[in-house]
Amino acid sequence: MEIVEILKALGDETRVRIIHLVQEKPLCVCEIQEILGISQSNTSRHLIKLKNAKLITGDKKAQWVYYSLAPDTFQKYSFLEAFMGNLNTYKDLESDRRALKTLQEKGFSCENLKKN
């Protein structure tokens, strides 16, 4: 059942943090791992769970995949919109939003990392 997979995926703090981040803008693995302070393999594992639950989609650009929310799933299950709206009220996620803003201001991206 699709809804069970969605609820299982949302049952993990790291995955909730990831979907909260990608609602702001599409992000690649290295950006997510930098913000969350977790390894690339751990980040990828969480992204796979979110993708299998159809909560996120990946858009390949060159050798990078940028992840964003899956609009079809969010339209299909209206409780997800309410869930995402409530995430903005949690102070624990505020530090992730600040870290994302700082990375954006510094011009951090997967493309820039590859050039160095």
PDB file of N, CA and C in Angstrom:
ATOM      1  N   MET A   1       0.834  -1.188   0.000  1.00  0.00           N
ATOM      2  CA  MET A   1       0.000   0.000   0.000  1.00  0.00           C
ATOM      3  C   MET A   1       0.879   1.251   0.000  1.00  0.00           C
ATOM      4  N   GLU A   2       0.618   2.111  -0.935  1.00  0.00           N
ATOM      5  CA  GLU A   2       1.411   3.333  -1.090  1.00  0.00           C
ATOM      6  C   GLU A   2       1.387   4.210   0.162  1.00  0.00           C
ATOM      7  N   ILE A   3       0.236   4.347   0.775  1.00  0.00           N
ATOM      8  CA  ILE A   3       0.134   5.233   1.939  1.00  0.00           C
ATOM      9  C   ILE A   3       0.969   4.717   3.109  1.00  0.00           C
ATOM     10  N   VAL A   4       1.075   3.400   3.241  1.00  0.00           N
ATOM     11  CA  VAL A   4       1.893   2.816   4.310  1.00  0.00           C
ATOM     12  C   VAL A   4       3.364   3.159   4.076  1.00  0.00           C
ATOM     13  N   GLU A   5       3.817   3.066   2.831  1.00  0.00           N
ATOM     14  CA  GLU A   5       5.205   3.412   2.509  1.00  0.00           C
ATOM     15  C   GLU A   5       5.479   4.892   2.789  1.00  0.00           C
ATOM     16  N   ILE A   6       4.508   5.729   2.494  1.00  0.00           N
ATOM     17  CA  ILE A   6       4.652   7.164   2.767  1.00  0.00           C
ATOM     18  C   ILE A   6       4.802   7.401   4.266  1.00  0.00           C
ATOM     19  N   LEU A   7       3.932   6.786   5.039  1.00  0.00           N
ATOM     20  CA  LEU A   7       3.975   6.976   6.493  1.00  0.00           C
ATOM     21  C   LEU A   7       5.259   6.413   7.092  1.00  0.00           C
ATOM     22  N   LYS A   8       5.732   5.283   6.573  1.00  0.00           N
ATOM     23  CA  LYS A   8       7.013   4.720   7.035  1.00  0.00           C
ATOM     24  C   LYS A   8       8.153   5.688   6.728  1.00  0.00           C
ATOM     25  N   ALA A   9       8.140   6.246   5.529  1.00  0.00           N
ATOM     26  CA  ALA A   9       9.204   7.184   5.137  1.00  0.00           C
ATOM     27  C   ALA A   9       9.200   8.415   6.025  1.00  0.00           C
ATOM     28  N   LEU A  10       8.020   8.881   6.413  1.00  0.00           N
ATOM     29  CA  LEU A  10       7.914  10.070   7.261  1.00  0.00           C
ATOM     30  C   LEU A  10       8.195   9.774   8.723  1.00  0.00           C
ATOM     31  N   GLY A  11       8.396   8.499   9.053  1.00  0.00           N
ATOM     32  CA  GLY A  11       8.666   8.100  10.428  1.00  0.00           C
ATOM     33  C   GLY A  11      10.115   8.253  10.846  1.00  0.00           C
ATOM     34  N   ASP A  12      10.931   8.871  10.018  1.00  0.00           N
ATOM     35  CA  ASP A  12      12.348   9.046  10.323  1.00  0.00           C
ATOM     36  C   ASP A  12      12.697  10.530  10.307  1.00  0.00           C
ATOM     37  N   GLU A  13      13.357  11.005  11.353  1.00  0.00           N
ATOM     38  CA  GLU A  13      13.680  12.429  11.481  1.00  0.00           C
ATOM     39  C   GLU A  13      14.533  12.944  10.328  1.00  0.00           C
ATOM     40  N   THR A  14      15.518  12.173   9.919  1.00  0.00           N
ATOM     41  CA  THR A  14      16.388  12.628   8.825  1.00  0.00           C
ATOM     42  C   THR A  14      15.599  12.784   7.533  1.00  0.00           C
ATOM     43  N   ARG A  15      14.707  11.857   7.245  1.00  0.00           N
ATOM     44  CA  ARG A  15      13.918  11.963   6.023  1.00  0.00           C
ATOM     45  C   ARG A  15      12.952  13.141   6.081  1.00  0.00           C
ATOM     46  N   VAL A  16      12.402  13.419   7.263  1.00  0.00           N
ATOM     47  CA  VAL A  16      11.550  14.606   7.411  1.00  0.00           C
ATOM     48  C   VAL A  16      12.375  15.860   7.157  1.00  0.00           C
ATOM     49  N   ARG A  17      13.599  15.883   7.676  1.00  0.00           N
ATOM     50  CA  ARG A  17      14.466  17.035   7.446  1.00  0.00           C
ATOM     51  C   ARG A  17      14.761  17.210   5.955  1.00  0.00           C
ATOM     52  N   ILE A  18      14.958  16.096   5.248  1.00  0.00           N
ATOM     53  CA  ILE A  18      15.253  16.167   3.817  1.00  0.00           C
ATOM     54  C   ILE A  18      14.067  16.728   3.047  1.00  0.00           C
ATOM     55  N   ILE A  19      12.856  16.208   3.286  1.00  0.00           N
ATOM     56  CA  ILE A  19      11.722  16.724   2.509  1.00  0.00           C
ATOM     57  C   ILE A  19      11.436  18.176   2.865  1.00  0.00           C
ATOM     58  N   HIS A  20      11.741  18.543   4.093  1.00  0.00           N
ATOM     59  CA  HIS A  20      11.582  19.946   4.472  1.00  0.00           C
ATOM     60  C   HIS A  20      12.539  20.825   3.666  1.00  0.00           C
ATOM     61  N   LEU A  21      13.762  20.360   3.475  1.00  0.00           N
ATOM     62  CA  LEU A  21      14.749  21.122   2.707  1.00  0.00           C
ATOM     63  C   LEU A  21      14.392  21.203   1.229  1.00  0.00           C
ATOM     64  N   VAL A  22      13.984  20.087   0.641  1.00  0.00           N
ATOM     65  CA  VAL A  22      13.747  20.095  -0.807  1.00  0.00           C
ATOM     66  C   VAL A  22      12.446  20.789  -1.179  1.00  0.00           C
ATOM     67  N   GLN A  23      11.627  21.132  -0.189  1.00  0.00           N
ATOM     68  CA  GLN A  23      10.453  21.934  -0.528  1.00  0.00           C
ATOM     69  C   GLN A  23      10.871  23.363  -0.848  1.00  0.00           C
ATOM     70  N   GLU A  24      12.021  23.785  -0.351  1.00  0.00           N
ATOM     71  CA  GLU A  24      12.536  25.129  -0.624  1.00  0.00           C
ATOM     72  C   GLU A  24      13.029  25.255  -2.064  1.00  0.00           C
ATOM     73  N   LYS A  25      13.818  24.257  -2.499  1.00  0.00           N
ATOM     74  CA  LYS A  25      14.378  24.242  -3.851  1.00  0.00           C
ATOM     75  C   LYS A  25      14.969  22.866  -4.103  1.00  0.00           C
ATOM     76  N   PRO A  26      15.096  22.459  -5.357  1.00  0.00           N
ATOM     77  CA  PRO A  26      15.735  21.171  -5.644  1.00  0.00           C
ATOM     78  C   PRO A  26      17.181  21.180  -5.156  1.00  0.00           C
ATOM     79  N   LEU A  27      17.577  20.078  -4.522  1.00  0.00           N
ATOM     80  CA  LEU A  27      18.925  19.964  -3.969  1.00  0.00           C
ATOM     81  C   LEU A  27      19.558  18.650  -4.403  1.00  0.00           C
ATOM     82  N   CYS A  28      20.884  18.663  -4.559  1.00  0.00           N
ATOM     83  CA  CYS A  28      21.607  17.435  -4.882  1.00  0.00           C
ATOM     84  C   CYS A  28      22.106  16.786  -3.589  1.00  0.00           C
ATOM     85  N   VAL A  29      22.615  15.582  -3.712  1.00  0.00           N
ATOM     86  CA  VAL A  29      23.059  14.803  -2.551  1.00  0.00           C
ATOM     87  C   VAL A  29      24.094  15.569  -1.728  1.00  0.00           C
ATOM     88  N   CYS A  30      25.078  16.167  -2.387  1.00  0.00           N
ATOM     89  CA  CYS A  30      26.152  16.823  -1.626  1.00  0.00           C
ATOM     90  C   CYS A  30      25.629  18.032  -0.847  1.00  0.00           C
ATOM     91  N   GLU A  31      24.645  18.729  -1.385  1.00  0.00           N
ATOM     92  CA  GLU A  31      24.063  19.856  -0.660  1.00  0.00           C
ATOM     93  C   GLU A  31      23.309  19.367   0.574  1.00  0.00           C
ATOM     94  N   ILE A  32      22.545  18.297   0.403  1.00  0.00           N
ATOM     95  CA  ILE A  32      21.782  17.741   1.525  1.00  0.00           C
ATOM     96  C   ILE A  32      22.721  17.214   2.598  1.00  0.00           C
ATOM     97  N   GLN A  33      23.747  16.477   2.196  1.00  0.00           N
ATOM     98  CA  GLN A  33      24.668  15.918   3.192  1.00  0.00           C
ATOM     99  C   GLN A  33      25.420  17.025   3.928  1.00  0.00           C
ATOM    100  N   GLU A  34      25.760  18.094   3.245  1.00  0.00           N
ATOM    101  CA  GLU A  34      26.447  19.215   3.874  1.00  0.00           C
ATOM    102  C   GLU A  34      25.555  19.872   4.928  1.00  0.00           C
ATOM    103  N   ILE A  35      24.308  20.099   4.598  1.00  0.00           N
ATOM    104  CA  ILE A  35      23.384  20.750   5.529  1.00  0.00           C
ATOM    105  C   ILE A  35      23.106  19.864   6.727  1.00  0.00           C
ATOM    106  N   LEU A  36      22.864  18.569   6.488  1.00  0.00           N
ATOM    107  CA  LEU A  36      22.501  17.667   7.580  1.00  0.00           C
ATOM    108  C   LEU A  36      23.700  17.115   8.343  1.00  0.00           C
ATOM    109  N   GLY A  37      24.884  17.239   7.769  1.00  0.00           N
ATOM    110  CA  GLY A  37      26.079  16.735   8.440  1.00  0.00           C
ATOM    111  C   GLY A  37      26.117  15.219   8.518  1.00  0.00           C
ATOM    112  N   ILE A  38      25.644  14.561   7.440  1.00  0.00           N
ATOM    113  CA  ILE A  38      25.673  13.098   7.387  1.00  0.00           C
ATOM    114  C   ILE A  38      26.452  12.660   6.150  1.00  0.00           C
ATOM    115  N   SER A  39      26.820  11.385   6.112  1.00  0.00           N
ATOM    116  CA  SER A  39      27.635  10.879   5.012  1.00  0.00           C
ATOM    117  C   SER A  39      26.844  10.811   3.710  1.00  0.00           C
ATOM    118  N   GLN A  40      27.577  10.708   2.611  1.00  0.00           N
ATOM    119  CA  GLN A  40      26.952  10.599   1.294  1.00  0.00           C
ATOM    120  C   GLN A  40      26.135   9.317   1.208  1.00  0.00           C
ATOM    121  N   SER A  41      26.664   8.214   1.723  1.00  0.00           N
ATOM    122  CA  SER A  41      25.933   6.943   1.640  1.00  0.00           C
ATOM    123  C   SER A  41      24.658   6.977   2.481  1.00  0.00           C
ATOM    124  N   ASN A  42      24.718   7.604   3.642  1.00  0.00           N
ATOM    125  CA  ASN A  42      23.542   7.737   4.497  1.00  0.00           C
ATOM    126  C   ASN A  42      22.500   8.634   3.822  1.00  0.00           C
ATOM    127  N   THR A  43      22.960   9.721   3.239  1.00  0.00           N
ATOM    128  CA  THR A  43      22.062  10.624   2.516  1.00  0.00           C
ATOM    129  C   THR A  43      21.378   9.883   1.377  1.00  0.00           C
ATOM    130  N   SER A  44      22.138   9.152   0.591  1.00  0.00           N
ATOM    131  CA  SER A  44      21.585   8.403  -0.537  1.00  0.00           C
ATOM    132  C   SER A  44      20.571   7.366  -0.075  1.00  0.00           C
ATOM    133  N   ARG A  45      20.853   6.696   1.021  1.00  0.00           N
ATOM    134  CA  ARG A  45      19.933   5.691   1.558  1.00  0.00           C
ATOM    135  C   ARG A  45      18.578   6.322   1.904  1.00  0.00           C
ATOM    136  N   HIS A  46      18.619   7.485   2.552  1.00  0.00           N
ATOM    137  CA  HIS A  46      17.379   8.178   2.904  1.00  0.00           C
ATOM    138  C   HIS A  46      16.644   8.674   1.661  1.00  0.00           C
ATOM    139  N   LEU A  47      17.382   9.161   0.681  1.00  0.00           N
ATOM    140  CA  LEU A  47      16.760   9.627  -0.563  1.00  0.00           C
ATOM    141  C   LEU A  47      16.065   8.483  -1.295  1.00  0.00           C
ATOM    142  N   ILE A  48      16.667   7.307  -1.280  1.00  0.00           N
ATOM    143  CA  ILE A  48      16.050   6.141  -1.917  1.00  0.00           C
ATOM    144  C   ILE A  48      14.723   5.806  -1.244  1.00  0.00           C
ATOM    145  N   LYS A  49      14.693   5.833   0.087  1.00  0.00           N
ATOM    146  CA  LYS A  49      13.436   5.551   0.807  1.00  0.00           C
ATOM    147  C   LYS A  49      12.363   6.573   0.440  1.00  0.00           C
ATOM    148  N   LEU A  50      12.741   7.846   0.389  1.00  0.00           N
ATOM    149  CA  LEU A  50      11.784   8.901   0.036  1.00  0.00           C
ATOM    150  C   LEU A  50      11.307   8.752  -1.408  1.00  0.00           C
ATOM    151  N   LYS A  51      12.217   8.385  -2.283  1.00  0.00           N
ATOM    152  CA  LYS A  51      11.865   8.201  -3.689  1.00  0.00           C
ATOM    153  C   LYS A  51      10.959   6.982  -3.860  1.00  0.00           C
ATOM    154  N   ASN A  52      11.258   5.891  -3.169  1.00  0.00           N
ATOM    155  CA  ASN A  52      10.421   4.690  -3.244  1.00  0.00           C
ATOM    156  C   ASN A  52       9.014   4.955  -2.711  1.00  0.00           C
ATOM    157  N   ALA A  53       8.893   5.864  -1.743  1.00  0.00           N
ATOM    158  CA  ALA A  53       7.585   6.236  -1.208  1.00  0.00           C
ATOM    159  C   ALA A  53       6.906   7.288  -2.090  1.00  0.00           C
ATOM    160  N   LYS A  54       7.568   7.672  -3.158  1.00  0.00           N
ATOM    161  CA  LYS A  54       7.058   8.655  -4.126  1.00  0.00           C
ATOM    162  C   LYS A  54       6.835  10.036  -3.505  1.00  0.00           C
ATOM    163  N   LEU A  55       7.636  10.355  -2.483  1.00  0.00           N
ATOM    164  CA  LEU A  55       7.561  11.676  -1.864  1.00  0.00           C
ATOM    165  C   LEU A  55       8.465  12.681  -2.564  1.00  0.00           C
ATOM    166  N   ILE A  56       9.517  12.186  -3.201  1.00  0.00           N
ATOM    167  CA  ILE A  56      10.436  13.058  -3.942  1.00  0.00           C
ATOM    168  C   ILE A  56      10.677  12.485  -5.323  1.00  0.00           C
ATOM    169  N   THR A  57      11.153  13.344  -6.197  1.00  0.00           N
ATOM    170  CA  THR A  57      11.570  12.920  -7.529  1.00  0.00           C
ATOM    171  C   THR A  57      12.992  13.411  -7.760  1.00  0.00           C
ATOM    172  N   GLY A  58      13.676  12.771  -8.673  1.00  0.00           N
ATOM    173  CA  GLY A  58      15.030  13.170  -9.014  1.00  0.00           C
ATOM    174  C   GLY A  58      15.097  13.642 -10.451  1.00  0.00           C
ATOM    175  N   ASP A  59      15.750  14.759 -10.661  1.00  0.00           N
ATOM    176  CA  ASP A  59      15.926  15.321 -11.999  1.00  0.00           C
ATOM    177  C   ASP A  59      17.418  15.342 -12.299  1.00  0.00           C
ATOM    178  N   LYS A  60      17.840  14.509 -13.241  1.00  0.00           N
ATOM    179  CA  LYS A  60      19.267  14.393 -13.549  1.00  0.00           C
ATOM    180  C   LYS A  60      19.717  15.547 -14.439  1.00  0.00           C
ATOM    181  N   LYS A  61      20.772  16.222 -13.981  1.00  0.00           N
ATOM    182  CA  LYS A  61      21.410  17.288 -14.754  1.00  0.00           C
ATOM    183  C   LYS A  61      22.906  16.996 -14.756  1.00  0.00           C
ATOM    184  N   ALA A  62      23.431  16.671 -15.928  1.00  0.00           N
ATOM    185  CA  ALA A  62      24.817  16.210 -16.059  1.00  0.00           C
ATOM    186  C   ALA A  62      24.980  14.977 -15.178  1.00  0.00           C
ATOM    187  N   GLN A  63      25.992  14.956 -14.299  1.00  0.00           N
ATOM    188  CA  GLN A  63      26.176  13.783 -13.445  1.00  0.00           C
ATOM    189  C   GLN A  63      25.482  13.909 -12.096  1.00  0.00           C
ATOM    190  N   TRP A  64      24.741  14.996 -11.875  1.00  0.00           N
ATOM    191  CA  TRP A  64      24.073  15.224 -10.599  1.00  0.00           C
ATOM    192  C   TRP A  64      22.579  15.001 -10.715  1.00  0.00           C
ATOM    193  N   VAL A  65      22.003  14.548  -9.617  1.00  0.00           N
ATOM    194  CA  VAL A  65      20.554  14.390  -9.532  1.00  0.00           C
ATOM    195  C   VAL A  65      20.055  15.384  -8.491  1.00  0.00           C
ATOM    196  N   TYR A  66      19.098  16.189  -8.891  1.00  0.00           N
ATOM    197  CA  TYR A  66      18.503  17.180  -7.990  1.00  0.00           C
ATOM    198  C   TYR A  66      17.134  16.675  -7.547  1.00  0.00           C
ATOM    199  N   TYR A  67      16.939  16.645  -6.249  1.00  0.00           N
ATOM    200  CA  TYR A  67      15.721  16.101  -5.665  1.00  0.00           C
ATOM    201  C   TYR A  67      14.767  17.215  -5.256  1.00  0.00           C
ATOM    202  N   SER A  68      13.485  16.970  -5.514  1.00  0.00           N
ATOM    203  CA  SER A  68      12.436  17.911  -5.125  1.00  0.00           C
ATOM    204  C   SER A  68      11.201  17.106  -4.734  1.00  0.00           C
ATOM    205  N   LEU A  69      10.215  17.792  -4.160  1.00  0.00           N
ATOM    206  CA  LEU A  69       8.979  17.116  -3.772  1.00  0.00           C
ATOM    207  C   LEU A  69       8.259  16.599  -5.006  1.00  0.00           C
ATOM    208  N   ALA A  70       7.581  15.476  -4.849  1.00  0.00           N
ATOM    209  CA  ALA A  70       6.808  14.874  -5.941  1.00  0.00           C
ATOM    210  C   ALA A  70       5.394  15.444  -5.914  1.00  0.00           C
ATOM    211  N   PRO A  71       5.085  16.363  -6.814  1.00  0.00           N
ATOM    212  CA  PRO A  71       3.786  17.052  -6.751  1.00  0.00           C
ATOM    213  C   PRO A  71       2.581  16.122  -6.868  1.00  0.00           C
ATOM    214  N   ASP A  72       2.676  15.059  -7.659  1.00  0.00           N
ATOM    215  CA  ASP A  72       1.540  14.145  -7.825  1.00  0.00           C
ATOM    216  C   ASP A  72       1.140  13.493  -6.506  1.00  0.00           C
ATOM    217  N   THR A  73       2.125  13.069  -5.740  1.00  0.00           N
ATOM    218  CA  THR A  73       1.838  12.432  -4.450  1.00  0.00           C
ATOM    219  C   THR A  73       1.226  13.434  -3.481  1.00  0.00           C
ATOM    220  N   PHE A  74       1.730  14.642  -3.491  1.00  0.00           N
ATOM    221  CA  PHE A  74       1.209  15.659  -2.568  1.00  0.00           C
ATOM    222  C   PHE A  74      -0.208  16.080  -2.953  1.00  0.00           C
ATOM    223  N   GLN A  75      -0.536  16.012  -4.227  1.00  0.00           N
ATOM    224  CA  GLN A  75      -1.909  16.303  -4.661  1.00  0.00           C
ATOM    225  C   GLN A  75      -2.847  15.151  -4.316  1.00  0.00           C
ATOM    226  N   LYS A  76      -2.333  13.942  -4.432  1.00  0.00           N
ATOM    227  CA  LYS A  76      -3.144  12.752  -4.183  1.00  0.00           C
ATOM    228  C   LYS A  76      -3.511  12.612  -2.699  1.00  0.00           C
ATOM    229  N   TYR A  77      -2.564  12.953  -1.812  1.00  0.00           N
ATOM    230  CA  TYR A  77      -2.774  12.803  -0.371  1.00  0.00           C
ATOM    231  C   TYR A  77      -2.740  14.187   0.279  1.00  0.00           C
ATOM    232  N   SER A  78      -3.899  14.747   0.497  1.00  0.00           N
ATOM    233  CA  SER A  78      -3.992  16.122   0.993  1.00  0.00           C
ATOM    234  C   SER A  78      -3.365  16.310   2.380  1.00  0.00           C
ATOM    235  N   PHE A  79      -3.300  15.252   3.172  1.00  0.00           N
ATOM    236  CA  PHE A  79      -2.695  15.399   4.496  1.00  0.00           C
ATOM    237  C   PHE A  79      -1.216  15.776   4.406  1.00  0.00           C
ATOM    238  N   LEU A  80      -0.573  15.463   3.292  1.00  0.00           N
ATOM    239  CA  LEU A  80       0.847  15.801   3.138  1.00  0.00           C
ATOM    240  C   LEU A  80       1.061  17.310   3.065  1.00  0.00           C
ATOM    241  N   GLU A  81       0.154  18.027   2.415  1.00  0.00           N
ATOM    242  CA  GLU A  81       0.259  19.492   2.351  1.00  0.00           C
ATOM    243  C   GLU A  81       0.178  20.084   3.758  1.00  0.00           C
ATOM    244  N   ALA A  82      -0.750  19.588   4.552  1.00  0.00           N
ATOM    245  CA  ALA A  82      -0.889  20.069   5.934  1.00  0.00           C
ATOM    246  C   ALA A  82       0.357  19.712   6.745  1.00  0.00           C
ATOM    247  N   PHE A  83       0.866  18.509   6.539  1.00  0.00           N
ATOM    248  CA  PHE A  83       2.075  18.071   7.231  1.00  0.00           C
ATOM    249  C   PHE A  83       3.247  19.000   6.915  1.00  0.00           C
ATOM    250  N   MET A  84       3.431  19.284   5.620  1.00  0.00           N
ATOM    251  CA  MET A  84       4.547  20.148   5.209  1.00  0.00           C
ATOM    252  C   MET A  84       4.384  21.556   5.755  1.00  0.00           C
ATOM    253  N   GLY A  85       3.164  22.064   5.773  1.00  0.00           N
ATOM    254  CA  GLY A  85       2.922  23.393   6.324  1.00  0.00           C
ATOM    255  C   GLY A  85       3.264  23.471   7.797  1.00  0.00           C
ATOM    256  N   ASN A  86       2.998  22.402   8.514  1.00  0.00           N
ATOM    257  CA  ASN A  86       3.301  22.372   9.943  1.00  0.00           C
ATOM    258  C   ASN A  86       4.796  22.283  10.233  1.00  0.00           C
ATOM    259  N   LEU A  87       5.563  21.768   9.296  1.00  0.00           N
ATOM    260  CA  LEU A  87       7.011  21.647   9.526  1.00  0.00           C
ATOM    261  C   LEU A  87       7.667  23.004   9.754  1.00  0.00           C
ATOM    262  N   ASN A  88       7.145  24.022   9.106  1.00  0.00           N
ATOM    263  CA  ASN A  88       7.737  25.356   9.251  1.00  0.00           C
ATOM    264  C   ASN A  88       7.600  25.917  10.662  1.00  0.00           C
ATOM    265  N   THR A  89       6.772  25.306  11.481  1.00  0.00           N
ATOM    266  CA  THR A  89       6.594  25.795  12.850  1.00  0.00           C
ATOM    267  C   THR A  89       7.586  25.156  13.823  1.00  0.00           C
ATOM    268  N   TYR A  90       8.329  24.148  13.395  1.00  0.00           N
ATOM    269  CA  TYR A  90       9.263  23.458  14.290  1.00  0.00           C
ATOM    270  C   TYR A  90      10.610  24.150  14.306  1.00  0.00           C
ATOM    271  N   LYS A  91      10.992  24.579  15.473  1.00  0.00           N
ATOM    272  CA  LYS A  91      12.259  25.299  15.625  1.00  0.00           C
ATOM    273  C   LYS A  91      13.455  24.412  15.327  1.00  0.00           C
ATOM    274  N   ASP A  92      13.313  23.092  15.536  1.00  0.00           N
ATOM    275  CA  ASP A  92      14.422  22.180  15.249  1.00  0.00           C
ATOM    276  C   ASP A  92      14.819  22.225  13.776  1.00  0.00           C
ATOM    277  N   LEU A  93      13.884  22.533  12.908  1.00  0.00           N
ATOM    278  CA  LEU A  93      14.163  22.586  11.472  1.00  0.00           C
ATOM    279  C   LEU A  93      14.676  23.957  11.027  1.00  0.00           C
ATOM    280  N   GLU A  94      14.584  24.910  11.911  1.00  0.00           N
ATOM    281  CA  GLU A  94      15.043  26.260  11.594  1.00  0.00           C
ATOM    282  C   GLU A  94      16.542  26.291  11.289  1.00  0.00           C
ATOM    283  N   SER A  95      17.323  25.489  12.018  1.00  0.00           N
ATOM    284  CA  SER A  95      18.771  25.465  11.767  1.00  0.00           C
ATOM    285  C   SER A  95      19.068  24.910  10.371  1.00  0.00           C
ATOM    286  N   ASP A  96      18.264  23.951   9.897  1.00  0.00           N
ATOM    287  CA  ASP A  96      18.445  23.442   8.538  1.00  0.00           C
ATOM    288  C   ASP A  96      18.149  24.538   7.514  1.00  0.00           C
ATOM    289  N   ARG A  97      17.105  25.310   7.758  1.00  0.00           N
ATOM    290  CA  ARG A  97      16.771  26.416   6.841  1.00  0.00           C
ATOM    291  C   ARG A  97      17.909  27.446   6.815  1.00  0.00           C
ATOM    292  N   ARG A  98      18.466  27.746   7.982  1.00  0.00           N
ATOM    293  CA  ARG A  98      19.588  28.700   8.039  1.00  0.00           C
ATOM    294  C   ARG A  98      20.805  28.148   7.312  1.00  0.00           C
ATOM    295  N   ALA A  99      21.082  26.856   7.501  1.00  0.00           N
ATOM    296  CA  ALA A  99      22.237  26.235   6.830  1.00  0.00           C
ATOM    297  C   ALA A  99      22.055  26.263   5.316  1.00  0.00           C
ATOM    298  N   LEU A 100      20.843  26.016   4.850  1.00  0.00           N
ATOM    299  CA  LEU A 100      20.567  26.083   3.414  1.00  0.00           C
ATOM    300  C   LEU A 100      20.789  27.496   2.897  1.00  0.00           C
ATOM    301  N   LYS A 101      20.304  28.469   3.620  1.00  0.00           N
ATOM    302  CA  LYS A 101      20.474  29.864   3.210  1.00  0.00           C
ATOM    303  C   LYS A 101      21.957  30.234   3.154  1.00  0.00           C
ATOM    304  N   THR A 102      22.719  29.796   4.151  1.00  0.00           N
ATOM    305  CA  THR A 102      24.159  30.075   4.186  1.00  0.00           C
ATOM    306  C   THR A 102      24.854  29.438   2.986  1.00  0.00           C
ATOM    307  N   LEU A 103      24.509  28.179   2.670  1.00  0.00           N
ATOM    308  CA  LEU A 103      25.106  27.516   1.501  1.00  0.00           C
ATOM    309  C   LEU A 103      24.781  28.264   0.220  1.00  0.00           C
ATOM    310  N   GLN A 104      23.542  28.716   0.103  1.00  0.00           N
ATOM    311  CA  GLN A 104      23.138  29.455  -1.091  1.00  0.00           C
ATOM    312  C   GLN A 104      23.922  30.756  -1.204  1.00  0.00           C
ATOM    313  N   GLU A 105      24.079  31.445  -0.089  1.00  0.00           N
ATOM    314  CA  GLU A 105      24.819  32.714  -0.095  1.00  0.00           C
ATOM    315  C   GLU A 105      26.282  32.513  -0.470  1.00  0.00           C
ATOM    316  N   LYS A 106      26.855  31.362  -0.067  1.00  0.00           N
ATOM    317  CA  LYS A 106      28.250  31.057  -0.379  1.00  0.00           C
ATOM    318  C   LYS A 106      28.419  30.490  -1.786  1.00  0.00           C
ATOM    319  N   GLY A 107      27.307  30.213  -2.461  1.00  0.00           N
ATOM    320  CA  GLY A 107      27.383  29.650  -3.809  1.00  0.00           C
ATOM    321  C   GLY A 107      27.757  28.183  -3.815  1.00  0.00           C
ATOM    322  N   PHE A 108      27.546  27.478  -2.710  1.00  0.00           N
ATOM    323  CA  PHE A 108      27.876  26.058  -2.605  1.00  0.00           C
ATOM    324  C   PHE A 108      26.950  25.256  -3.506  1.00  0.00           C
ATOM    325  N   SER A 109      27.525  24.369  -4.310  1.00  0.00           N
ATOM    326  CA  SER A 109      26.742  23.455  -5.132  1.00  0.00           C
ATOM    327  C   SER A 109      27.619  22.274  -5.522  1.00  0.00           C
ATOM    328  N   CYS A 110      26.976  21.225  -5.996  1.00  0.00           N
ATOM    329  CA  CYS A 110      27.727  20.050  -6.445  1.00  0.00           C
ATOM    330  C   CYS A 110      28.641  20.408  -7.614  1.00  0.00           C
ATOM    331  N   GLU A 111      28.151  21.258  -8.503  1.00  0.00           N
ATOM    332  CA  GLU A 111      28.964  21.664  -9.646  1.00  0.00           C
ATOM    333  C   GLU A 111      30.242  22.373  -9.201  1.00  0.00           C
ATOM    334  N   ASN A 112      30.109  23.246  -8.207  1.00  0.00           N
ATOM    335  CA  ASN A 112      31.279  23.979  -7.713  1.00  0.00           C
ATOM    336  C   ASN A 112      32.270  23.057  -7.021  1.00  0.00           C
ATOM    337  N   LEU A 113      31.784  22.033  -6.323  1.00  0.00           N
ATOM    338  CA  LEU A 113      32.672  21.089  -5.660  1.00  0.00           C
ATOM    339  C   LEU A 113      33.500  20.309  -6.685  1.00  0.00           C
ATOM    340  N   LYS A 114      32.889  19.939  -7.785  1.00  0.00           N
ATOM    341  CA  LYS A 114      33.558  19.154  -8.819  1.00  0.00           C
ATOM    342  C   LYS A 114      34.680  19.972  -9.474  1.00  0.00           C
ATOM    343  N   LYS A 115      34.504  21.282  -9.568  1.00  0.00           N
ATOM    344  CA  LYS A 115      35.503  22.149 -10.216  1.00  0.00           C
ATOM    345  C   LYS A 115      36.754  22.288  -9.366  1.00  0.00           C
ATOM    346  N   ASN A 116      36.597  22.131  -8.043  1.00  0.00           N
ATOM    347  CA  ASN A 116      37.746  22.332  -7.140  1.00  0.00           C
ATOM    348  C   ASN A 116      38.602  21.105  -7.023  1.00  0.00           C
TER     349      ASN A 116
END
